Amino acid sequence: MPLLNQIAKPTLIIHAKDDPFMDHHVIPKAEDLPPQVEYQLTEHGGHVGFIGGTPLRPEMWLERRIPDWLTTYLEASS
Protein backbone atom coordinates (compact mmCIF):
# COMPACT_ATOMS: atom_id res chain seq x y z
CA MET A 1 0.00 0.00 0.00
CA PRO A 2 2.42 2.63 -1.21
CA LEU A 3 0.05 5.61 -0.84
CA LEU A 4 -0.70 5.24 2.87
CA ASN A 5 2.14 7.57 3.83
CA GLN A 6 0.53 10.34 1.75
CA ILE A 7 -2.72 10.41 3.75
CA ALA A 8 -3.04 13.87 5.30
CA LYS A 9 -6.45 13.69 7.02
CA PRO A 10 -7.31 11.62 10.10
CA THR A 11 -8.10 8.15 8.81
CA LEU A 12 -9.16 4.90 10.46
CA ILE A 13 -8.18 1.72 8.66
CA ILE A 14 -9.63 -1.52 10.00
CA HIS A 15 -8.13 -4.71 8.64
CA ALA A 16 -8.41 -8.37 9.62
CA LYS A 17 -5.49 -10.77 9.43
CA ASP A 18 -7.83 -13.40 7.95
CA ASP A 19 -9.09 -11.17 5.10
CA PRO A 20 -9.02 -13.43 2.02
CA PHE A 21 -8.54 -10.51 -0.40
CA MET A 22 -5.92 -8.47 1.46
CA ASP A 23 -3.58 -10.96 3.06
CA HIS A 24 -0.59 -10.47 5.36
CA HIS A 25 1.52 -9.04 2.51
CA VAL A 26 -0.38 -5.74 2.64
CA ILE A 27 -0.15 -5.18 6.40
CA PRO A 28 1.93 -2.02 6.79
CA LYS A 29 4.60 -1.52 9.41
CA ALA A 30 3.61 1.00 12.07
CA GLU A 31 6.66 3.14 11.29
CA ASP A 32 5.51 3.48 7.67
CA LEU A 33 2.21 5.10 8.65
CA PRO A 34 1.77 8.83 9.17
CA PRO A 35 0.53 9.87 12.64
CA GLN A 36 -2.94 10.76 11.33
CA VAL A 37 -3.58 7.15 10.26
CA GLU A 38 -4.96 4.83 12.90
CA TYR A 39 -4.48 1.27 11.69
CA GLN A 40 -6.48 -1.29 13.64
CA LEU A 41 -5.50 -4.87 12.85
CA THR A 42 -7.73 -7.65 14.19
CA GLU A 43 -7.16 -11.40 14.24
CA HIS A 44 -10.56 -12.16 12.72
CA GLY A 45 -13.07 -10.31 10.61
CA GLY A 46 -12.60 -11.72 7.15
CA HIS A 47 -13.51 -9.25 4.45
CA VAL A 48 -15.77 -6.80 6.31
CA GLY A 49 -17.13 -9.41 8.74
CA PHE A 50 -16.05 -8.10 12.16
CA ILE A 51 -18.64 -10.03 14.14
CA GLY A 52 -18.34 -10.55 17.88
CA GLY A 53 -20.69 -11.67 20.60
CA THR A 54 -22.20 -15.14 20.55
CA PRO A 55 -23.98 -17.18 17.87
CA LEU A 56 -27.34 -16.35 19.47
CA ARG A 57 -26.46 -12.70 20.03
CA PRO A 58 -24.04 -11.63 17.32
CA GLU A 59 -22.54 -8.20 17.68
CA MET A 60 -21.47 -6.23 14.62
CA TRP A 61 -18.76 -4.21 16.35
CA LEU A 62 -17.73 -2.43 13.16
CA GLU A 63 -21.08 -0.62 13.25
CA ARG A 64 -20.11 0.82 16.66
CA ARG A 65 -16.40 1.33 16.07
CA ILE A 66 -16.72 3.74 13.16
CA PRO A 67 -19.20 6.15 14.84
CA ASP A 68 -17.11 6.01 18.05
CA TRP A 69 -14.01 6.99 16.09
CA LEU A 70 -15.82 9.74 14.17
CA THR A 71 -17.28 11.22 17.36
CA THR A 72 -13.82 12.33 18.46
CA TYR A 73 -13.44 14.47 15.36
CA LEU A 74 -17.02 15.71 15.27
CA GLU A 75 -16.83 16.90 18.88
CA ALA A 76 -13.48 18.59 18.26
CA SER A 77 -14.89 20.59 15.34
CA SER A 78 -17.98 21.88 17.15
PDB file of N, CA and C in Angstrom:
ATOM      1  N   MET A   1       0.836  -1.168   0.000  1.00  0.00           N
ATOM      2  CA  MET A   1       0.000   0.000   0.000  1.00  0.00           C
ATOM      3  C   MET A   1       0.888   1.242   0.000  1.00  0.00           C
ATOM      4  N   PRO A   2       1.426   1.566  -1.127  1.00  0.00           N
ATOM      5  CA  PRO A   2       2.418   2.634  -1.215  1.00  0.00           C
ATOM      6  C   PRO A   2       1.879   4.043  -0.960  1.00  0.00           C
ATOM      7  N   LEU A   3       0.587   4.251  -1.004  1.00  0.00           N
ATOM      8  CA  LEU A   3       0.051   5.606  -0.839  1.00  0.00           C
ATOM      9  C   LEU A   3      -0.353   5.934   0.591  1.00  0.00           C
ATOM     10  N   LEU A   4      -0.287   4.985   1.495  1.00  0.00           N
ATOM     11  CA  LEU A   4      -0.700   5.243   2.874  1.00  0.00           C
ATOM     12  C   LEU A   4       0.074   6.398   3.500  1.00  0.00           C
ATOM     13  N   ASN A   5       1.341   6.504   3.208  1.00  0.00           N
ATOM     14  CA  ASN A   5       2.143   7.569   3.826  1.00  0.00           C
ATOM     15  C   ASN A   5       1.796   8.958   3.303  1.00  0.00           C
ATOM     16  N   GLN A   6       0.936   9.041   2.299  1.00  0.00           N
ATOM     17  CA  GLN A   6       0.527  10.336   1.755  1.00  0.00           C
ATOM     18  C   GLN A   6      -0.812  10.815   2.320  1.00  0.00           C
ATOM     19  N   ILE A   7      -1.437  10.022   3.166  1.00  0.00           N
ATOM     20  CA  ILE A   7      -2.720  10.413   3.754  1.00  0.00           C
ATOM     21  C   ILE A   7      -2.484  11.580   4.705  1.00  0.00           C
ATOM     22  N   ALA A   8      -3.235  12.664   4.494  1.00  0.00           N
ATOM     23  CA  ALA A   8      -3.042  13.870   5.296  1.00  0.00           C
ATOM     24  C   ALA A   8      -4.154  14.091   6.324  1.00  0.00           C
ATOM     25  N   LYS A   9      -5.299  13.513   6.113  1.00  0.00           N
ATOM     26  CA  LYS A   9      -6.445  13.691   7.016  1.00  0.00           C
ATOM     27  C   LYS A   9      -6.529  12.519   7.988  1.00  0.00           C
ATOM     28  N   PRO A  10      -7.124  12.733   9.172  1.00  0.00           N
ATOM     29  CA  PRO A  10      -7.309  11.622  10.101  1.00  0.00           C
ATOM     30  C   PRO A  10      -8.080  10.485   9.418  1.00  0.00           C
ATOM     31  N   THR A  11      -7.538   9.302   9.518  1.00  0.00           N
ATOM     32  CA  THR A  11      -8.095   8.150   8.812  1.00  0.00           C
ATOM     33  C   THR A  11      -8.022   6.914   9.697  1.00  0.00           C
ATOM     34  N   LEU A  12      -9.118   6.174   9.741  1.00  0.00           N
ATOM     35  CA  LEU A  12      -9.162   4.905  10.459  1.00  0.00           C
ATOM     36  C   LEU A  12      -9.180   3.788   9.426  1.00  0.00           C
ATOM     37  N   ILE A  13      -8.221   2.886   9.532  1.00  0.00           N
ATOM     38  CA  ILE A  13      -8.178   1.716   8.661  1.00  0.00           C
ATOM     39  C   ILE A  13      -8.360   0.496   9.549  1.00  0.00           C
ATOM     40  N   ILE A  14      -9.371  -0.298   9.246  1.00  0.00           N
ATOM     41  CA  ILE A  14      -9.633  -1.520  10.001  1.00  0.00           C
ATOM     42  C   ILE A  14      -9.399  -2.689   9.064  1.00  0.00           C
ATOM     43  N   HIS A  15      -8.550  -3.598   9.501  1.00  0.00           N
ATOM     44  CA  HIS A  15      -8.134  -4.710   8.644  1.00  0.00           C
ATOM     45  C   HIS A  15      -8.069  -5.971   9.493  1.00  0.00           C
ATOM     46  N   ALA A  16      -8.476  -7.085   8.926  1.00  0.00           N
ATOM     47  CA  ALA A  16      -8.406  -8.370   9.625  1.00  0.00           C
ATOM     48  C   ALA A  16      -7.298  -9.224   9.027  1.00  0.00           C
ATOM     49  N   LYS A  17      -6.567  -9.900   9.904  1.00  0.00           N
ATOM     50  CA  LYS A  17      -5.493 -10.773   9.435  1.00  0.00           C
ATOM     51  C   LYS A  17      -6.018 -11.905   8.555  1.00  0.00           C
ATOM     52  N   ASP A  18      -7.285 -12.293   8.748  1.00  0.00           N
ATOM     53  CA  ASP A  18      -7.831 -13.398   7.954  1.00  0.00           C
ATOM     54  C   ASP A  18      -8.633 -12.923   6.737  1.00  0.00           C
ATOM     55  N   ASP A  19      -8.418 -11.690   6.302  1.00  0.00           N
ATOM     56  CA  ASP A  19      -9.085 -11.174   5.099  1.00  0.00           C
ATOM     57  C   ASP A  19      -8.577 -11.956   3.889  1.00  0.00           C
ATOM     58  N   PRO A  20      -9.473 -12.621   3.152  1.00  0.00           N
ATOM     59  CA  PRO A  20      -9.024 -13.432   2.018  1.00  0.00           C
ATOM     60  C   PRO A  20      -8.559 -12.614   0.813  1.00  0.00           C
ATOM     61  N   PHE A  21      -8.920 -11.339   0.741  1.00  0.00           N
ATOM     62  CA  PHE A  21      -8.544 -10.514  -0.403  1.00  0.00           C
ATOM     63  C   PHE A  21      -7.285  -9.689  -0.146  1.00  0.00           C
ATOM     64  N   MET A  22      -7.085  -9.303   1.103  1.00  0.00           N
ATOM     65  CA  MET A  22      -5.924  -8.475   1.455  1.00  0.00           C
ATOM     66  C   MET A  22      -5.153  -9.216   2.538  1.00  0.00           C
ATOM     67  N   ASP A  23      -4.275 -10.085   2.122  1.00  0.00           N
ATOM     68  CA  ASP A  23      -3.580 -10.965   3.059  1.00  0.00           C
ATOM     69  C   ASP A  23      -2.441 -10.259   3.797  1.00  0.00           C
ATOM     70  N   HIS A  24      -1.635 -11.027   4.501  1.00  0.00           N
ATOM     71  CA  HIS A  24      -0.585 -10.469   5.355  1.00  0.00           C
ATOM     72  C   HIS A  24       0.465  -9.654   4.594  1.00  0.00           C
ATOM     73  N   HIS A  25       0.538  -9.801   3.295  1.00  0.00           N
ATOM     74  CA  HIS A  25       1.522  -9.044   2.511  1.00  0.00           C
ATOM     75  C   HIS A  25       1.221  -7.543   2.467  1.00  0.00           C
ATOM     76  N   VAL A  26      -0.025  -7.163   2.718  1.00  0.00           N
ATOM     77  CA  VAL A  26      -0.377  -5.740   2.637  1.00  0.00           C
ATOM     78  C   VAL A  26      -0.417  -5.056   4.005  1.00  0.00           C
ATOM     79  N   ILE A  27      -0.139  -5.786   5.067  1.00  0.00           N
ATOM     80  CA  ILE A  27      -0.150  -5.178   6.397  1.00  0.00           C
ATOM     81  C   ILE A  27       1.064  -4.250   6.520  1.00  0.00           C
ATOM     82  N   PRO A  28       0.805  -2.953   6.708  1.00  0.00           N
ATOM     83  CA  PRO A  28       1.934  -2.016   6.786  1.00  0.00           C
ATOM     84  C   PRO A  28       2.638  -2.083   8.139  1.00  0.00           C
ATOM     85  N   LYS A  29       3.866  -1.661   8.152  1.00  0.00           N
ATOM     86  CA  LYS A  29       4.604  -1.520   9.407  1.00  0.00           C
ATOM     87  C   LYS A  29       4.168  -0.206  10.047  1.00  0.00           C
ATOM     88  N   ALA A  30       4.058  -0.201  11.352  1.00  0.00           N
ATOM     89  CA  ALA A  30       3.607   0.997  12.070  1.00  0.00           C
ATOM     90  C   ALA A  30       4.465   2.210  11.731  1.00  0.00           C
ATOM     91  N   GLU A  31       5.766   2.004  11.577  1.00  0.00           N
ATOM     92  CA  GLU A  31       6.658   3.141  11.292  1.00  0.00           C
ATOM     93  C   GLU A  31       6.477   3.705   9.883  1.00  0.00           C
ATOM     94  N   ASP A  32       5.763   2.987   9.020  1.00  0.00           N
ATOM     95  CA  ASP A  32       5.508   3.475   7.665  1.00  0.00           C
ATOM     96  C   ASP A  32       4.228   4.298   7.566  1.00  0.00           C
ATOM     97  N   LEU A  33       3.480   4.377   8.659  1.00  0.00           N
ATOM     98  CA  LEU A  33       2.211   5.104   8.647  1.00  0.00           C
ATOM     99  C   LEU A  33       2.383   6.505   9.212  1.00  0.00           C
ATOM    100  N   PRO A  34       1.720   7.489   8.603  1.00  0.00           N
ATOM    101  CA  PRO A  34       1.767   8.834   9.172  1.00  0.00           C
ATOM    102  C   PRO A  34       0.952   8.863  10.469  1.00  0.00           C
ATOM    103  N   PRO A  35       1.207   9.832  11.337  1.00  0.00           N
ATOM    104  CA  PRO A  35       0.526   9.869  12.640  1.00  0.00           C
ATOM    105  C   PRO A  35      -0.988  10.029  12.549  1.00  0.00           C
ATOM    106  N   GLN A  36      -1.497  10.564  11.461  1.00  0.00           N
ATOM    107  CA  GLN A  36      -2.941  10.762  11.335  1.00  0.00           C
ATOM    108  C   GLN A  36      -3.681   9.497  10.897  1.00  0.00           C
ATOM    109  N   VAL A  37      -2.957   8.422  10.638  1.00  0.00           N
ATOM    110  CA  VAL A  37      -3.582   7.154  10.257  1.00  0.00           C
ATOM    111  C   VAL A  37      -3.604   6.230  11.465  1.00  0.00           C
ATOM    112  N   GLU A  38      -4.809   5.830  11.846  1.00  0.00           N
ATOM    113  CA  GLU A  38      -4.965   4.835  12.903  1.00  0.00           C
ATOM    114  C   GLU A  38      -5.263   3.506  12.218  1.00  0.00           C
ATOM    115  N   TYR A  39      -4.362   2.576  12.352  1.00  0.00           N
ATOM    116  CA  TYR A  39      -4.477   1.272  11.693  1.00  0.00           C
ATOM    117  C   TYR A  39      -4.821   0.240  12.753  1.00  0.00           C
ATOM    118  N   GLN A  40      -6.031  -0.300  12.665  1.00  0.00           N
ATOM    119  CA  GLN A  40      -6.482  -1.292  13.637  1.00  0.00           C
ATOM    120  C   GLN A  40      -6.489  -2.656  12.962  1.00  0.00           C
ATOM    121  N   LEU A  41      -5.620  -3.533  13.414  1.00  0.00           N
ATOM    122  CA  LEU A  41      -5.501  -4.873  12.848  1.00  0.00           C
ATOM    123  C   LEU A  41      -6.105  -5.874  13.824  1.00  0.00           C
ATOM    124  N   THR A  42      -7.081  -6.645  13.352  1.00  0.00           N
ATOM    125  CA  THR A  42      -7.727  -7.650  14.190  1.00  0.00           C
ATOM    126  C   THR A  42      -7.336  -9.047  13.721  1.00  0.00           C
ATOM    127  N   GLU A  43      -7.458 -10.007  14.599  1.00  0.00           N
ATOM    128  CA  GLU A  43      -7.165 -11.399  14.244  1.00  0.00           C
ATOM    129  C   GLU A  43      -8.203 -11.942  13.270  1.00  0.00           C
ATOM    130  N   HIS A  44      -9.468 -11.614  13.521  1.00  0.00           N
ATOM    131  CA  HIS A  44     -10.564 -12.156  12.720  1.00  0.00           C
ATOM    132  C   HIS A  44     -11.463 -11.028  12.236  1.00  0.00           C
ATOM    133  N   GLY A  45     -12.160 -11.284  11.179  1.00  0.00           N
ATOM    134  CA  GLY A  45     -13.072 -10.306  10.613  1.00  0.00           C
ATOM    135  C   GLY A  45     -13.312 -10.582   9.145  1.00  0.00           C
ATOM    136  N   GLY A  46     -12.429 -11.390   8.563  1.00  0.00           N
ATOM    137  CA  GLY A  46     -12.598 -11.718   7.153  1.00  0.00           C
ATOM    138  C   GLY A  46     -12.558 -10.464   6.307  1.00  0.00           C
ATOM    139  N   HIS A  47     -13.411 -10.430   5.311  1.00  0.00           N
ATOM    140  CA  HIS A  47     -13.510  -9.254   4.453  1.00  0.00           C
ATOM    141  C   HIS A  47     -14.785  -8.518   4.835  1.00  0.00           C
ATOM    142  N   VAL A  48     -14.702  -7.611   5.741  1.00  0.00           N
ATOM    143  CA  VAL A  48     -15.769  -6.797   6.314  1.00  0.00           C
ATOM    144  C   VAL A  48     -16.742  -7.596   7.178  1.00  0.00           C
ATOM    145  N   GLY A  49     -16.273  -8.619   7.861  1.00  0.00           N
ATOM    146  CA  GLY A  49     -17.131  -9.411   8.744  1.00  0.00           C
ATOM    147  C   GLY A  49     -17.244  -8.795  10.118  1.00  0.00           C
ATOM    148  N   PHE A  50     -16.156  -8.735  10.850  1.00  0.00           N
ATOM    149  CA  PHE A  50     -16.047  -8.097  12.157  1.00  0.00           C
ATOM    150  C   PHE A  50     -17.253  -8.353  13.058  1.00  0.00           C
ATOM    151  N   ILE A  51     -17.516  -9.632  13.299  1.00  0.00           N
ATOM    152  CA  ILE A  51     -18.641 -10.029  14.141  1.00  0.00           C
ATOM    153  C   ILE A  51     -18.098 -10.528  15.472  1.00  0.00           C
ATOM    154  N   GLY A  52     -18.695 -10.071  16.546  1.00  0.00           N
ATOM    155  CA  GLY A  52     -18.342 -10.546  17.880  1.00  0.00           C
ATOM    156  C   GLY A  52     -19.577 -11.092  18.553  1.00  0.00           C
ATOM    157  N   GLY A  53     -19.555 -11.154  19.855  1.00  0.00           N
ATOM    158  CA  GLY A  53     -20.692 -11.665  20.599  1.00  0.00           C
ATOM    159  C   GLY A  53     -20.760 -13.178  20.553  1.00  0.00           C
ATOM    160  N   THR A  54     -21.975 -13.694  20.566  1.00  0.00           N
ATOM    161  CA  THR A  54     -22.202 -15.139  20.551  1.00  0.00           C
ATOM    162  C   THR A  54     -23.047 -15.500  19.340  1.00  0.00           C
ATOM    163  N   PRO A  55     -23.136 -16.804  19.008  1.00  0.00           N
ATOM    164  CA  PRO A  55     -23.980 -17.185  17.869  1.00  0.00           C
ATOM    165  C   PRO A  55     -25.443 -16.754  18.027  1.00  0.00           C
ATOM    166  N   LEU A  56     -25.947 -16.766  19.251  1.00  0.00           N
ATOM    167  CA  LEU A  56     -27.337 -16.354  19.467  1.00  0.00           C
ATOM    168  C   LEU A  56     -27.496 -14.841  19.569  1.00  0.00           C
ATOM    169  N   ARG A  57     -26.423 -14.162  19.916  1.00  0.00           N
ATOM    170  CA  ARG A  57     -26.455 -12.698  20.030  1.00  0.00           C
ATOM    171  C   ARG A  57     -25.230 -12.100  19.350  1.00  0.00           C
ATOM    172  N   PRO A  58     -25.202 -12.188  18.017  1.00  0.00           N
ATOM    173  CA  PRO A  58     -24.041 -11.632  17.315  1.00  0.00           C
ATOM    174  C   PRO A  58     -23.973 -10.119  17.495  1.00  0.00           C
ATOM    175  N   GLU A  59     -22.769  -9.628  17.489  1.00  0.00           N
ATOM    176  CA  GLU A  59     -22.536  -8.204  17.675  1.00  0.00           C
ATOM    177  C   GLU A  59     -21.675  -7.702  16.524  1.00  0.00           C
ATOM    178  N   MET A  60     -22.204  -6.804  15.743  1.00  0.00           N
ATOM    179  CA  MET A  60     -21.467  -6.232  14.617  1.00  0.00           C
ATOM    180  C   MET A  60     -20.681  -5.029  15.135  1.00  0.00           C
ATOM    181  N   TRP A  61     -19.489  -5.285  15.672  1.00  0.00           N
ATOM    182  CA  TRP A  61     -18.758  -4.213  16.347  1.00  0.00           C
ATOM    183  C   TRP A  61     -18.269  -3.138  15.399  1.00  0.00           C
ATOM    184  N   LEU A  62     -18.155  -3.438  14.124  1.00  0.00           N
ATOM    185  CA  LEU A  62     -17.731  -2.426  13.158  1.00  0.00           C
ATOM    186  C   LEU A  62     -18.746  -1.286  13.097  1.00  0.00           C
ATOM    187  N   GLU A  63     -20.027  -1.627  13.281  1.00  0.00           N
ATOM    188  CA  GLU A  63     -21.082  -0.615  13.252  1.00  0.00           C
ATOM    189  C   GLU A  63     -20.995   0.338  14.442  1.00  0.00           C
ATOM    190  N   ARG A  64     -20.329  -0.070  15.505  1.00  0.00           N
ATOM    191  CA  ARG A  64     -20.112   0.816  16.656  1.00  0.00           C
ATOM    192  C   ARG A  64     -18.763   1.512  16.576  1.00  0.00           C
ATOM    193  N   ARG A  65     -17.778   0.810  16.076  1.00  0.00           N
ATOM    194  CA  ARG A  65     -16.402   1.329  16.066  1.00  0.00           C
ATOM    195  C   ARG A  65     -16.270   2.595  15.226  1.00  0.00           C
ATOM    196  N   ILE A  66     -16.856   2.588  14.052  1.00  0.00           N
ATOM    197  CA  ILE A  66     -16.724   3.744  13.157  1.00  0.00           C
ATOM    198  C   ILE A  66     -17.371   4.996  13.752  1.00  0.00           C
ATOM    199  N   PRO A  67     -18.632   4.942  14.217  1.00  0.00           N
ATOM    200  CA  PRO A  67     -19.196   6.148  14.844  1.00  0.00           C
ATOM    201  C   PRO A  67     -18.417   6.597  16.080  1.00  0.00           C
ATOM    202  N   ASP A  68     -17.917   5.638  16.881  1.00  0.00           N
ATOM    203  CA  ASP A  68     -17.110   6.012  18.048  1.00  0.00           C
ATOM    204  C   ASP A  68     -15.869   6.788  17.620  1.00  0.00           C
ATOM    205  N   TRP A  69     -15.218   6.330  16.577  1.00  0.00           N
ATOM    206  CA  TRP A  69     -14.010   6.993  16.092  1.00  0.00           C
ATOM    207  C   TRP A  69     -14.348   8.377  15.529  1.00  0.00           C
ATOM    208  N   LEU A  70     -15.422   8.460  14.765  1.00  0.00           N
ATOM    209  CA  LEU A  70     -15.815   9.742  14.171  1.00  0.00           C
ATOM    210  C   LEU A  70     -16.223  10.768  15.225  1.00  0.00           C
ATOM    211  N   THR A  71     -16.819  10.312  16.307  1.00  0.00           N
ATOM    212  CA  THR A  71     -17.280  11.219  17.361  1.00  0.00           C
ATOM    213  C   THR A  71     -16.155  12.104  17.872  1.00  0.00           C
ATOM    214  N   THR A  72     -14.981  11.556  18.002  1.00  0.00           N
ATOM    215  CA  THR A  72     -13.824  12.329  18.463  1.00  0.00           C
ATOM    216  C   THR A  72     -13.601  13.552  17.583  1.00  0.00           C
ATOM    217  N   TYR A  73     -13.696  13.374  16.291  1.00  0.00           N
ATOM    218  CA  TYR A  73     -13.436  14.470  15.355  1.00  0.00           C
ATOM    219  C   TYR A  73     -14.630  15.402  15.228  1.00  0.00           C
ATOM    220  N   LEU A  74     -15.834  14.867  15.344  1.00  0.00           N
ATOM    221  CA  LEU A  74     -17.021  15.714  15.267  1.00  0.00           C
ATOM    222  C   LEU A  74     -17.116  16.618  16.494  1.00  0.00           C
ATOM    223  N   GLU A  75     -16.789  16.091  17.665  1.00  0.00           N
ATOM    224  CA  GLU A  75     -16.825  16.902  18.882  1.00  0.00           C
ATOM    225  C   GLU A  75     -15.731  17.965  18.869  1.00  0.00           C
ATOM    226  N   ALA A  76     -14.593  17.641  18.316  1.00  0.00           N
ATOM    227  CA  ALA A  76     -13.480  18.594  18.263  1.00  0.00           C
ATOM    228  C   ALA A  76     -13.779  19.762  17.329  1.00  0.00           C
ATOM    229  N   SER A  77     -14.606  19.532  16.311  1.00  0.00           N
ATOM    230  CA  SER A  77     -14.885  20.590  15.337  1.00  0.00           C
ATOM    231  C   SER A  77     -16.076  21.452  15.733  1.00  0.00           C
ATOM    232  N   SER A  78     -16.802  21.080  16.774  1.00  0.00           N
ATOM    233  CA  SER A  78     -17.979  21.882  17.154  1.00  0.00           C
ATOM    234  C   SER A  78     -17.679  22.840  18.275  1.00  0.00           C
TER     235      SER A  78
END
